[in-house]
Amino acid sequence: MTLSFSQLQAQLKPEWGREHDGNGVDFDLLMLPSLSVDPAQIALITGAHNYEERQLFSLIRLRDPGVRIIYVTSKLLPDLVVDAVLELLPGVPTSHARRRLHLFDADDASARPLTAKLLERPALLARLKELLRPGRSFIACYVVTELEKRLSEVLQVPLLGTDPALSYWGSKAGSRALFARCGVPHPPGSPLVHDLDALAEATAELWEAHPDLQRCVIKLNEGISGEGNAPLELAPLQLEGLSGGERRRCLRKALEGIPMPPPQWRDLVSQQGALVEAWLAGGEALNSPSVQGTIHPGGTVEVLSTHEQILGGPTGQTYLGCRFPAEDPYRLELMRHGEAVGKALAAEGALERYAIDFIARRFGERWDVQAIEVNLRQGGTTHPTMALRAITTGLLDPGSGLFLSPTGQPVHYVASDNIVDPRLRGLLPLDLVDIVAEAGLHYDPARLQGSVFHLLGCLSEFGKLGMTSLGG
């Protein structure tokens, strides 16, 4: 009998969601790092298909000797890239972990999602299905869309992730609804609209309710990494001197020129909707923290980490990297809000990773923390956290929000996917390994400091790589 997606998810076991459970777990994990998101957003990312390497830190699960991992990519991963991660795992010989790791690829470097490529290759799917033991296998992925849902049903293997039917809760409008339900502070904003006239009306109403507002931000409902956000300067428009109709016409004209990264963003407004939010300004300091959590099968919520996000790009809204953990004055507040939203998501049926982005402003000794959006997927902070947990065997202390090594030493890190320099072009991964070794930059487990690298597939062609630098 062929089972539906929901029937398959009912087979998921609580221990399958926990890294290094240590209780004799025995399962097969199909790791599917497919970037199944809007092609317009992916087109903005240099070397996008190489981002499939980021989930290699999920090999942390191989620390449990009963775990096997089947890792699928668009193009075959070089042995050096894989072994560089395996050699970081403490407590398990690299050879033992390698025997339990099975690598497959679709031999297709096109920009389409990896999952779509797999669904076009029945022979490859048959080989995967032959490896996955019935009743003891599940799929994990970057994001769950209808493609991943279909793959789960084709393979008849449950997927540990949120059903795409619940994707509303990861949109901009759904995020605002969750914050309101959980009592989490968030900026004033509008409902979802689907054309520029309605967006001008929503912007006018927001300004009329808050006439001291100098700037607002327009958000596509399904934008990722800040690429669907654009600021709109209100002060130069002198809205206070206009009638209601003039104000709306002025805003309508101004909206046509906002610097939204996707060139076809007006079409996306019609397709997915957009909203307007107040731009939070003022204060003596401004940070962009976030909190990450996971929802285990059965509904248990675990807060995993907090970060300070490093933003940049043309509008200052693009995610470039992060620092762990978030600042001390509001770290525990982030964790409380993260747990509350996680429980609300669990009640809706969500599973696995989620994250919440915030804006934090300091006024004297007080920090004002406002939630911005929820992400129902793995993100830019997922793989650095995986790396930290993989190579230190430590734990997050819920009382402080610090990550403590087994000896009780706090460990911090800075991470980025966007280290770009023309001088890096032409370097092979092996060249980088040699440079890092000679400079003494590699991770040293005895000192709990050093750097680990990813996105090595981007190095030679684009002069780009990712790096997580750890220290006490």
Protein backbone atom coordinates (compact mmCIF):
# COMPACT_ATOMS: atom_id res chain seq x y z
CA MET A 1 0.00 0.00 0.00
CA THR A 2 1.34 3.44 -0.95
CA LEU A 3 1.34 5.84 2.02
CA SER A 4 0.60 9.57 1.83
CA PHE A 5 3.04 12.24 3.01
CA SER A 6 1.22 12.67 6.35
CA GLN A 7 1.04 8.89 6.88
CA LEU A 8 4.76 8.64 6.24
CA GLN A 9 5.51 11.49 8.68
CA ALA A 10 3.59 9.59 11.37
CA GLN A 11 6.43 7.04 11.24
CA LEU A 12 9.03 9.59 12.39
CA LYS A 13 10.60 8.81 15.76
CA PRO A 14 11.55 11.50 18.34
CA GLU A 15 15.17 10.35 18.57
CA TRP A 16 15.65 10.82 14.82
CA GLY A 17 15.61 14.60 15.28
CA ARG A 18 18.34 14.68 17.92
CA GLU A 19 22.01 14.99 17.04
CA HIS A 20 24.23 12.37 18.69
CA ASP A 21 21.45 10.81 20.71
CA GLY A 22 23.86 8.29 22.22
CA ASN A 23 21.11 5.74 22.92
CA GLY A 24 21.91 3.13 20.31
CA VAL A 25 20.03 4.84 17.49
CA ASP A 26 19.94 2.87 14.25
CA PHE A 27 18.67 4.64 11.13
CA ASP A 28 19.46 5.77 7.60
CA LEU A 29 19.38 9.49 6.80
CA LEU A 30 18.90 10.68 3.24
CA MET A 31 20.38 14.20 3.26
CA LEU A 32 18.88 16.32 0.49
CA PRO A 33 20.49 19.81 0.38
CA SER A 34 18.25 21.05 -2.45
CA LEU A 35 17.77 24.83 -2.68
CA SER A 36 14.13 24.49 -3.72
CA VAL A 37 13.24 28.17 -3.53
CA ASP A 38 12.17 30.91 -5.93
CA PRO A 39 14.51 30.81 -8.99
CA ALA A 40 14.59 34.61 -8.99
CA GLN A 41 16.11 34.54 -5.50
CA ILE A 42 18.59 31.78 -6.37
CA ALA A 43 19.72 33.76 -9.42
CA LEU A 44 21.03 36.43 -7.04
CA ILE A 45 23.42 33.96 -5.32
CA THR A 46 26.85 33.43 -6.87
CA GLY A 47 27.66 29.72 -7.22
CA ALA A 48 24.26 28.70 -5.88
CA HIS A 49 24.46 24.96 -6.55
CA ASN A 50 27.68 24.77 -4.50
CA TYR A 51 25.59 25.74 -1.49
CA GLU A 52 24.62 22.06 -1.36
CA GLU A 53 27.98 21.61 0.40
CA ARG A 54 26.80 23.60 3.43
CA GLN A 55 24.77 20.69 4.79
CA LEU A 56 27.88 18.49 4.96
CA PHE A 57 28.05 19.43 8.61
CA SER A 58 24.99 17.19 9.04
CA LEU A 59 27.57 14.40 8.98
CA ILE A 60 27.69 15.03 12.73
CA ARG A 61 25.08 12.26 12.85
CA LEU A 62 27.82 9.76 11.93
CA ARG A 63 29.12 10.12 15.49
CA ASP A 64 26.44 7.55 16.31
CA PRO A 65 27.81 4.19 15.04
CA GLY A 66 24.32 2.94 14.08
CA VAL A 67 23.70 5.82 11.66
CA ARG A 68 24.20 5.68 7.91
CA ILE A 69 23.96 8.81 5.73
CA ILE A 70 23.12 8.95 2.04
CA TYR A 71 24.17 12.41 0.81
CA VAL A 72 22.96 13.51 -2.62
CA THR A 73 24.22 16.51 -4.61
CA SER A 74 23.87 17.92 -8.12
CA LYS A 75 27.53 17.18 -8.94
CA LEU A 76 29.83 14.68 -7.25
CA LEU A 77 31.58 16.12 -4.21
CA PRO A 78 35.41 15.88 -4.22
CA ASP A 79 36.82 13.48 -1.64
CA LEU A 80 38.88 16.29 -0.11
CA VAL A 81 35.75 18.35 0.60
CA VAL A 82 34.02 15.41 2.30
CA ASP A 83 37.04 14.19 4.24
CA ALA A 84 37.74 17.71 5.52
CA VAL A 85 34.44 17.46 7.44
CA LEU A 86 34.79 13.83 8.53
CA GLU A 87 38.23 14.49 9.98
CA LEU A 88 36.73 17.11 12.29
CA LEU A 89 34.33 14.68 14.00
CA PRO A 90 35.65 13.76 17.45
CA GLY A 91 35.10 10.33 18.92
CA VAL A 92 34.80 8.38 15.66
CA PRO A 93 37.57 7.21 13.29
CA THR A 94 37.27 8.82 9.87
CA SER A 95 37.45 5.41 8.18
CA HIS A 96 34.52 4.13 10.28
CA ALA A 97 32.40 7.17 9.44
CA ARG A 98 33.36 6.95 5.74
CA ARG A 99 32.08 3.36 5.52
CA ARG A 100 28.66 4.57 6.67
CA LEU A 101 28.50 7.49 4.23
CA HIS A 102 27.16 6.96 0.72
CA LEU A 103 27.55 9.76 -1.84
CA PHE A 104 25.34 10.12 -4.90
CA ASP A 105 24.96 12.84 -7.50
CA ALA A 106 22.63 13.73 -10.38
CA ASP A 107 25.54 14.84 -12.62
CA ASP A 108 23.62 18.03 -13.38
CA ALA A 109 25.01 21.48 -12.48
CA SER A 110 22.02 23.42 -13.82
CA ALA A 111 20.30 26.02 -11.64
CA ARG A 112 17.20 23.88 -11.10
CA PRO A 113 16.52 22.45 -7.63
CA LEU A 114 18.32 19.20 -6.86
CA THR A 115 15.03 17.53 -5.91
CA ALA A 116 13.61 18.21 -9.39
CA LYS A 117 16.70 16.59 -10.90
CA LEU A 118 16.26 13.48 -8.74
CA LEU A 119 12.60 13.10 -9.69
CA GLU A 120 13.67 13.00 -13.34
CA ARG A 121 16.08 10.11 -12.69
CA PRO A 122 14.13 6.95 -11.76
CA ALA A 123 17.21 4.73 -11.94
CA LEU A 124 19.01 6.90 -9.41
CA LEU A 125 15.93 6.92 -7.17
CA ALA A 126 15.83 3.13 -7.36
CA ARG A 127 19.44 2.94 -6.14
CA LEU A 128 18.64 5.28 -3.27
CA LYS A 129 15.54 3.32 -2.29
CA GLU A 130 17.54 0.09 -2.30
CA LEU A 131 19.89 1.54 0.33
CA LEU A 132 17.21 2.98 2.63
CA ARG A 133 15.92 0.44 5.14
CA PRO A 134 12.10 0.48 5.46
CA GLY A 135 10.94 1.72 8.87
CA ARG A 136 14.44 2.93 9.76
CA SER A 137 14.96 5.74 7.24
CA PHE A 138 14.03 9.39 6.87
CA ILE A 139 14.84 12.42 4.70
CA ALA A 140 16.23 15.75 5.90
CA CYS A 141 16.52 18.79 3.65
CA TYR A 142 17.17 22.54 3.46
CA VAL A 143 13.53 23.43 2.80
CA VAL A 144 10.37 21.41 2.16
CA THR A 145 8.37 22.24 -0.95
CA GLU A 146 5.94 20.23 -3.06
CA LEU A 147 9.01 18.76 -4.78
CA GLU A 148 10.39 17.28 -1.54
CA LYS A 149 6.90 16.14 -0.55
CA ARG A 150 6.57 14.29 -3.84
CA LEU A 151 10.03 12.72 -3.43
CA SER A 152 9.07 11.44 0.02
CA GLU A 153 6.00 9.76 -1.45
CA VAL A 154 7.90 8.32 -4.43
CA LEU A 155 10.56 6.78 -2.15
CA GLN A 156 7.99 5.95 0.55
CA VAL A 157 10.37 7.40 3.14
CA PRO A 158 9.19 9.96 5.75
CA LEU A 159 10.59 13.49 5.61
CA LEU A 160 11.59 15.34 8.78
CA GLY A 161 10.41 18.83 7.91
CA THR A 162 7.38 21.07 7.78
CA ASP A 163 4.65 20.14 5.31
CA PRO A 164 4.57 22.83 2.59
CA ALA A 165 0.84 23.13 3.28
CA LEU A 166 1.99 25.05 6.39
CA SER A 167 4.33 27.38 4.48
CA TYR A 168 2.12 30.36 5.31
CA TRP A 169 3.67 30.42 8.79
CA GLY A 170 7.08 31.04 7.26
CA SER A 171 5.91 33.93 5.09
CA LYS A 172 6.06 37.61 6.07
CA ALA A 173 2.29 37.75 6.67
CA GLY A 174 2.26 34.44 8.57
CA SER A 175 5.17 35.59 10.73
CA ARG A 176 3.26 38.68 11.82
CA ALA A 177 0.24 36.52 12.68
CA LEU A 178 2.43 34.22 14.81
CA PHE A 179 4.02 37.15 16.65
CA ALA A 180 0.61 38.60 17.45
CA ARG A 181 -0.62 35.21 18.72
CA CYS A 182 2.45 34.65 20.93
CA GLY A 183 2.67 38.21 22.28
CA VAL A 184 6.07 38.73 20.67
CA PRO A 185 6.81 42.44 20.00
CA HIS A 186 6.96 43.32 16.28
CA PRO A 187 6.86 46.53 14.19
CA PRO A 188 3.63 48.15 12.98
CA GLY A 189 2.75 46.94 9.50
CA SER A 190 0.10 46.13 6.95
CA PRO A 191 -1.85 43.08 5.79
CA LEU A 192 -0.80 41.30 2.59
CA VAL A 193 -1.66 43.05 -0.71
CA HIS A 194 -1.17 42.04 -4.35
CA ASP A 195 -0.71 45.17 -6.46
CA LEU A 196 1.07 48.52 -6.27
CA ASP A 197 -2.12 50.52 -5.82
CA ALA A 198 -3.03 48.48 -2.74
CA LEU A 199 0.57 48.70 -1.52
CA ALA A 200 0.44 52.51 -1.83
CA GLU A 201 -2.82 52.51 0.14
CA ALA A 202 -1.30 50.29 2.86
CA THR A 203 1.79 52.52 3.05
CA ALA A 204 -0.36 55.64 3.34
CA GLU A 205 -2.43 54.09 6.14
CA LEU A 206 0.75 53.07 7.98
CA TRP A 207 2.16 56.60 7.74
CA GLU A 208 -1.17 58.16 8.77
CA ALA A 209 -1.17 55.98 11.89
CA HIS A 210 2.49 56.87 12.57
CA PRO A 211 3.13 60.32 11.03
CA ASP A 212 6.60 60.53 12.59
CA LEU A 213 7.70 57.54 10.45
CA GLN A 214 10.70 58.54 8.30
CA ARG A 215 11.18 55.26 6.46
CA CYS A 216 9.38 51.98 5.87
CA VAL A 217 10.34 48.65 4.32
CA ILE A 218 8.49 46.84 1.53
CA LYS A 219 8.63 43.04 1.84
CA LEU A 220 7.79 40.39 -0.69
CA ASN A 221 5.84 37.73 1.17
CA GLU A 222 8.27 34.92 0.34
CA GLY A 223 11.65 36.68 0.00
CA ILE A 224 14.73 34.98 1.45
CA SER A 225 18.00 36.29 2.96
CA GLY A 226 16.68 39.86 2.80
CA GLU A 227 16.65 39.75 -1.02
CA GLY A 228 12.90 40.43 -1.08
CA ASN A 229 13.11 43.55 1.12
CA ALA A 230 13.54 47.16 0.03
CA PRO A 231 13.46 50.43 2.02
CA LEU A 232 11.24 53.34 1.06
CA GLU A 233 12.27 56.79 2.27
CA LEU A 234 9.21 58.71 3.42
CA ALA A 235 10.73 61.93 4.76
CA PRO A 236 11.70 63.36 1.32
CA LEU A 237 8.12 62.83 0.10
CA GLN A 238 6.78 65.46 2.55
CA LEU A 239 3.58 63.49 3.01
CA GLU A 240 2.29 65.76 5.78
CA GLY A 241 1.58 68.55 3.28
CA LEU A 242 -0.50 66.40 0.92
CA SER A 243 -4.17 65.50 0.81
CA GLY A 244 -5.14 61.84 1.18
CA GLY A 245 -5.42 61.32 -2.58
CA GLU A 246 -2.21 63.19 -3.35
CA ARG A 247 -0.41 61.20 -0.66
CA ARG A 248 -1.44 57.91 -2.25
CA ARG A 249 -0.47 59.01 -5.74
CA CYS A 250 2.90 60.22 -4.44
CA LEU A 251 3.54 56.90 -2.69
CA ARG A 252 2.43 54.94 -5.76
CA LYS A 253 5.04 56.75 -7.87
CA ALA A 254 7.73 56.31 -5.21
CA LEU A 255 7.05 52.56 -4.97
CA GLU A 256 7.84 52.11 -8.65
CA GLY A 257 11.45 53.15 -8.02
CA ILE A 258 12.32 51.20 -4.87
CA PRO A 259 15.60 49.21 -5.06
CA MET A 260 14.12 45.71 -4.72
CA PRO A 261 16.83 43.16 -5.74
CA PRO A 262 14.71 40.82 -7.95
CA PRO A 263 14.27 42.73 -11.24
CA GLN A 264 10.80 41.23 -11.75
CA TRP A 265 9.62 42.13 -8.25
CA ARG A 266 6.42 43.78 -9.49
CA ASP A 267 5.32 40.43 -10.93
CA LEU A 268 6.18 38.78 -7.60
CA VAL A 269 3.94 41.26 -5.76
CA SER A 270 1.06 40.01 -7.88
CA GLN A 271 2.01 36.33 -7.49
CA GLN A 272 2.90 36.07 -3.80
CA GLY A 273 1.84 39.39 -2.29
CA ALA A 274 3.77 42.01 -0.34
CA LEU A 275 3.35 44.10 2.79
CA VAL A 276 4.80 47.24 4.32
CA GLU A 277 6.35 47.55 7.78
CA ALA A 278 7.67 50.45 9.80
CA TRP A 279 11.44 50.78 9.62
CA LEU A 280 12.72 50.68 13.18
CA ALA A 281 15.06 53.59 13.71
CA GLY A 282 16.48 55.54 16.64
CA GLY A 283 18.44 54.36 19.61
CA GLU A 284 22.13 54.51 20.40
CA ALA A 285 22.87 51.10 18.83
CA LEU A 286 21.13 48.87 16.31
CA ASN A 287 21.62 45.09 15.99
CA SER A 288 20.01 42.33 13.92
CA PRO A 289 19.89 39.25 16.17
CA SER A 290 18.12 35.96 15.53
CA VAL A 291 17.16 32.79 17.38
CA GLN A 292 17.10 29.25 15.99
CA GLY A 293 15.23 26.19 17.15
CA THR A 294 13.98 22.78 16.08
CA ILE A 295 10.74 20.89 16.58
CA HIS A 296 11.27 17.18 17.16
CA PRO A 297 8.81 14.49 16.10
CA GLY A 298 6.22 14.44 18.85
CA GLY A 299 6.22 18.23 19.21
CA THR A 300 9.09 18.88 21.65
CA VAL A 301 10.70 22.28 20.99
CA GLU A 302 14.46 22.80 21.43
CA VAL A 303 16.12 26.21 21.20
CA LEU A 304 19.46 25.65 19.46
CA SER A 305 21.22 29.01 19.17
CA THR A 306 21.12 32.79 18.98
CA HIS A 307 23.12 34.95 16.59
CA GLU A 308 23.95 38.49 15.60
CA GLN A 309 23.36 38.71 11.87
CA ILE A 310 25.82 40.54 9.62
CA LEU A 311 23.85 42.35 6.93
CA GLY A 312 24.95 44.25 3.83
CA GLY A 313 24.27 44.48 0.12
CA PRO A 314 22.72 47.40 -1.80
CA THR A 315 19.94 47.98 0.73
CA GLY A 316 21.67 46.74 3.89
CA GLN A 317 19.10 43.92 4.10
CA THR A 318 21.09 41.03 2.59
CA TYR A 319 22.40 38.32 4.93
CA LEU A 320 26.21 38.07 4.73
CA GLY A 321 27.15 36.18 7.89
CA CYS A 322 26.66 35.86 11.64
CA ARG A 323 28.26 35.95 15.08
CA PHE A 324 27.41 33.45 17.83
CA PRO A 325 25.96 33.97 20.36
CA ALA A 326 23.70 37.03 20.39
CA GLU A 327 24.54 39.88 22.79
CA ASP A 328 24.10 39.17 26.48
CA PRO A 329 21.52 41.90 27.39
CA TYR A 330 18.75 40.33 25.30
CA ARG A 331 19.99 36.79 24.54
CA LEU A 332 17.62 35.09 27.00
CA GLU A 333 14.72 37.22 25.77
CA LEU A 334 15.37 35.94 22.25
CA MET A 335 15.35 32.38 23.57
CA ARG A 336 12.02 32.90 25.35
CA HIS A 337 10.43 34.33 22.22
CA GLY A 338 11.97 31.52 20.16
CA GLU A 339 10.49 28.87 22.43
CA ALA A 340 7.04 30.52 22.39
CA VAL A 341 6.94 30.74 18.60
CA GLY A 342 8.32 27.21 18.32
CA LYS A 343 5.48 25.87 20.47
CA ALA A 344 2.92 27.73 18.33
CA LEU A 345 4.50 26.25 15.20
CA ALA A 346 4.50 22.77 16.75
CA ALA A 347 0.79 23.17 17.51
CA GLU A 348 0.24 23.87 13.80
CA GLY A 349 2.13 20.69 12.88
CA ALA A 350 5.51 22.17 11.92
CA LEU A 351 8.67 20.06 12.23
CA GLU A 352 12.43 20.50 12.29
CA ARG A 353 14.31 23.79 11.88
CA TYR A 354 12.87 27.27 12.28
CA ALA A 355 14.44 30.67 12.94
CA ILE A 356 13.22 34.14 13.90
CA ASP A 357 14.92 37.38 12.90
CA PHE A 358 14.77 40.45 15.16
CA ILE A 359 15.80 44.08 15.33
CA ALA A 360 17.34 45.21 18.65
CA ARG A 361 17.73 48.91 19.52
CA ARG A 362 19.47 50.29 22.60
CA PHE A 363 18.01 53.25 24.49
CA GLY A 364 20.32 53.97 27.41
CA GLU A 365 20.50 50.77 29.45
CA ARG A 366 17.38 49.28 27.83
CA TRP A 367 17.22 47.20 24.67
CA ASP A 368 14.03 47.17 22.61
CA VAL A 369 13.71 43.84 20.75
CA GLN A 370 11.21 43.49 17.87
CA ALA A 371 10.59 40.35 15.81
CA ILE A 372 10.78 40.69 12.03
CA GLU A 373 10.12 37.30 10.41
CA VAL A 374 10.02 33.51 10.80
CA ASN A 375 11.90 31.12 8.52
CA LEU A 376 10.62 27.54 8.27
CA ARG A 377 13.78 26.02 6.82
CA GLN A 378 17.46 25.67 7.41
CA GLY A 379 19.31 28.94 6.87
CA GLY A 380 22.62 30.74 6.95
CA THR A 381 23.09 30.06 10.67
CA THR A 382 22.26 26.34 10.49
CA HIS A 383 25.53 24.97 9.15
CA PRO A 384 27.81 27.01 11.49
CA THR A 385 25.81 25.69 14.43
CA MET A 386 26.09 22.18 13.03
CA ALA A 387 29.85 22.68 12.68
CA LEU A 388 30.13 23.90 16.27
CA ARG A 389 28.20 20.93 17.65
CA ALA A 390 30.04 18.50 15.40
CA ILE A 391 33.60 19.41 16.35
CA THR A 392 33.28 20.38 20.01
CA THR A 393 30.75 17.84 21.42
CA GLY A 394 29.44 20.65 23.63
CA LEU A 395 25.93 21.81 24.51
CA LEU A 396 23.93 25.02 24.66
CA ASP A 397 23.43 26.13 28.27
CA PRO A 398 19.75 27.16 28.57
CA GLY A 399 20.49 29.37 31.56
CA SER A 400 22.99 31.61 29.78
CA GLY A 401 22.53 30.92 26.07
CA LEU A 402 26.26 30.17 25.84
CA PHE A 403 27.65 27.08 24.13
CA LEU A 404 29.86 25.21 26.56
CA SER A 405 32.51 22.64 25.70
CA PRO A 406 32.67 19.43 27.78
CA THR A 407 35.14 21.25 30.09
CA GLY A 408 32.70 24.15 30.58
CA GLN A 409 34.59 26.60 28.35
CA PRO A 410 32.34 28.95 26.33
CA VAL A 411 32.89 28.76 22.57
CA HIS A 412 32.05 31.60 20.18
CA TYR A 413 32.28 31.92 16.41
CA VAL A 414 31.94 34.22 13.41
CA ALA A 415 30.73 32.69 10.13
CA SER A 416 30.11 33.81 6.57
CA ASP A 417 29.13 32.35 3.20
CA ASN A 418 30.33 35.48 1.44
CA ILE A 419 34.11 35.69 1.64
CA VAL A 420 34.86 36.91 -1.87
CA ASP A 421 38.19 38.11 -3.24
CA PRO A 422 39.43 38.06 -6.85
CA ARG A 423 42.78 36.77 -5.56
CA LEU A 424 41.06 33.53 -4.52
CA ARG A 425 40.02 32.72 -8.09
CA GLY A 426 42.01 29.87 -9.58
CA LEU A 427 42.80 28.30 -6.21
CA LEU A 428 41.86 24.65 -5.86
CA PRO A 429 40.53 23.28 -2.54
CA LEU A 430 43.86 21.52 -2.03
CA ASP A 431 45.66 24.86 -2.41
CA LEU A 432 43.45 26.36 0.28
CA VAL A 433 44.16 23.47 2.64
CA ASP A 434 47.90 24.02 2.16
CA ILE A 435 47.60 27.78 2.78
CA VAL A 436 45.50 27.28 5.92
CA ALA A 437 47.90 24.65 7.31
CA GLU A 438 50.96 26.83 6.69
CA ALA A 439 49.30 29.85 8.32
CA GLY A 440 48.11 27.83 11.34
CA LEU A 441 44.47 28.82 10.75
CA HIS A 442 42.98 25.32 10.88
CA TYR A 443 40.74 24.29 13.78
CA ASP A 444 42.67 23.01 16.80
CA PRO A 445 40.45 20.88 19.10
CA ALA A 446 42.92 21.19 21.98
CA ARG A 447 42.58 25.00 22.01
CA LEU A 448 38.96 25.06 20.75
CA GLN A 449 39.89 27.65 18.17
CA GLY A 450 40.60 27.98 14.49
CA SER A 451 38.61 27.93 11.25
CA VAL A 452 36.64 25.39 9.24
CA PHE A 453 35.71 26.01 5.62
CA HIS A 454 32.83 25.23 3.27
CA LEU A 455 31.65 26.20 -0.24
CA LEU A 456 35.01 25.03 -1.55
CA GLY A 457 33.31 24.30 -4.87
CA CYS A 458 32.96 28.07 -5.39
CA LEU A 459 36.62 28.78 -4.77
CA SER A 460 38.35 28.36 -8.13
CA GLU A 461 35.55 29.63 -10.38
CA PHE A 462 34.19 32.52 -8.32
CA GLY A 463 36.91 33.36 -5.78
CA LYS A 464 34.37 32.71 -3.04
CA LEU A 465 34.23 30.49 0.04
CA GLY A 466 32.53 30.09 3.39
CA MET A 467 34.26 30.03 6.75
CA THR A 468 33.40 29.52 10.41
CA SER A 469 36.05 30.83 12.83
CA LEU A 470 35.78 29.55 16.40
CA GLY A 471 37.34 30.75 19.64
CA GLY A 472 36.78 31.05 23.35
